[in-house]
Amino acid sequence: MPTTEHVFQAVAFVENLSLKDLAAAFTSGRRAGYELAVPLPDGGTAFMYPFGAVVFHGASPEARADILQRLRTARPGLTTAVINEELTVREDPAQQSGVVQGVLFIDKLTPARAGVIALTVGQSASMEYYENIVEQMFARTGQLVDRLEKSGTVSLRTKPLHRFIGEAVSTRSEVLSVLHLLDKPDGAWDDPAMNEIYADLRAEFDLLDRYGALESKLRSVQEGLELVLDVARDRRIVLLEATVVMLIVTELALSLLRR
């Protein structure tokens, strides 16, 4: 039997998306849980997710451009897509299901299976965006710790550290809240064959290990920043105590001089 090839293309944005607001703009879309599926005129589908990812299945370049333009109209301030991810799926009943050299083979692609695949590709694209952010934060924290190691002290300015810690905590909370969708989707529970395919897809995109690495790096960033902040606070306290002592000594000296 002839094979049929499908292409899933994901784009990820910096901003999150409100499916409730988008549903009002894309009235033909079908919202289910954390997904808004919008049918395209050329027969493809655009899957939109609240974590800032849009996945196109079987969409022409013109259809993708139209959806992205409508998306920017419905979501003012949306930046240019920062991450792109792609997966090729081949329907071939004669081929054993699974991922081979980056291509997913499947006996039949149903709408439910397409939703599971789209979600996985979207998660991978979104995770790559967070990986870039966390890597930058990790490097900035390393610079602060290196300075502490070399000089034995840090700057007295704690406000930038407070902002950096707030950024780290906010990013960690967002990662945890967004990527909880790594839990197995309903389509995989209801379809034993898709359950195995979903496991192959997670392994192909290395989702669980990448998620664990993100958590570990974010934890290291937070702990490193808290250490630097503690040193800065201790230094300020020492300087404050020294200033108080100097004021007391000055007052005593002035009292003696007046006598």
Foldseek 3Di string as FASTA:
>chain_A
DDKDKKKKKKFFFPAFDDVVLVCVLQVQWDDDDQWTWHAFPVGKIWIHGRLGMIMIMPDDPVRVVVVVVSVCVSPPPTDDTDFMFMAMEMADLVDDAFADPRHTYDPDDDPLLVVLVNVLRRLLRSLVVLVVVLVVLLVVLVVQVVCCVVVVAHDLDCPVLVVSLVVLVVSLVSLVVRPVVVPRDPSLVVDVSSVVHSVRSCVVSVVVVSSVVSNVSSVVSNVSSVVNSVRSVVVVVVVVVVVVVVVVVVVVVVVVVVD
